[in-house]
Amino acid sequence: METASVLKVETTHVLVDANRQSYYVKKYDRHMLWIVCILYVLSYLDRGNIGNAKTAGAQDDLGLSSAQWTWVLNGFYICYTVFEWGTVLWKIFPAHIYVSIICLCWGVAAMSAGAAHNLAGLIAARCVLGVLEAGFGAGAPYYLSLFYQQKELGLRAALLTGMSPLANCFAASLAYGITHINGSLEPWRLLFLIEDEKYNSVRYFGIWLACCGVFPALSINITWLLNNQGGESKRGAGLAILAIFGQTSSFLSSAVFPKEDKPYFVKGCAIGCAFAGLICVLSLGLHFKLAHENKKRDATTGPIDPTEVLDVTQLRDKHPNFRYFT
């Protein structure tokens, strides 16, 4: 009897009917999703302003070389990568308190960059910004995974990552408006400007086309990882690792697009294309690897009904009924 009682406790889980589940999902969308998306926009605005600042003359005003400007960019990404473990704090502290504090602090850090008068000051401001934003970039999709089911998460992750190009558009419009402000400070100190380049429809179409592939792939990649991790802790750790590897590309891109290579930046674009091809190869490899693992489990325990709701809460992805998304 004692053994039976223990087993009963271990397999207890909450079942929610479809209508009630739909109600909860809509409530999450109304009261939580839009807030997280707005904060995602703000985070990209603050980290991306450095590009507009360079265009507005920050590098020339501070007398920085291309190598020194690379360190300004890398300062953010080094701290961002090192402090990715901040993702786990979403689970430890109440999100409304933790996120409020880091958002307020990263806003102060971003504004501090406008007060920098030398290389050290600008790097310091960017490093502090990287520390504060590190836990949010990967933490936001992890937080959504705590509320949405696998079939619901993809759309929400797509909406979240879609905030990045939206932030870029908003930042450019904001910077253009600030261009016309007459003040005693340099334009980049007021809050960064857009680049004054002659419009080229073919090039901008290429950028648009690239975004059509990059951002959907990013949201799919995040959802793919979350749905293939068993348990909240593995999801958080997996997203942190994904973000760390993702940010390593930022170190490279900061160095392979020096000002001296303009206007075509052949070397940087060629390296980017090479990595895009590598992503295709790795994605196909992971697909076949996970499909092979699913076939092995089917051979051991038999195929499962994809429409059946199974309880795998105890063993997570080690459960014989667990199947990977391929």
Foldseek 3Di string as FASTA:
>chain_A
DVVVVVVVVLQDDDDDDPVVLVVLVVVCVVPPLVVLLVLLLVLLLLLVQVVLLVLLPPCVQQVHALVLVLLLLVLLLVLLLVQLLLLCVVVVDPVVVLVVVLSVQLVVLSLQCLVDNYSVSSSVSSNSNSNSCNNSPLNSLLVVLVRDDLVPSLVSLLSNLVSNVVSVVVSAVVQCVLVPDDDPDRSSSVGGYDHDDDDDVVVVVVVVVVCVPPSSVVSVVLSQLQLLDFDSVRNSVSSSVVVSVVSVVSSVLSPQQGPVPPDPSVRSVVVVVVVVVVVVVVVVVVVVVLVVVQVVLCVVPNADDPVDDDDPNNVTNVDSNDGHDD
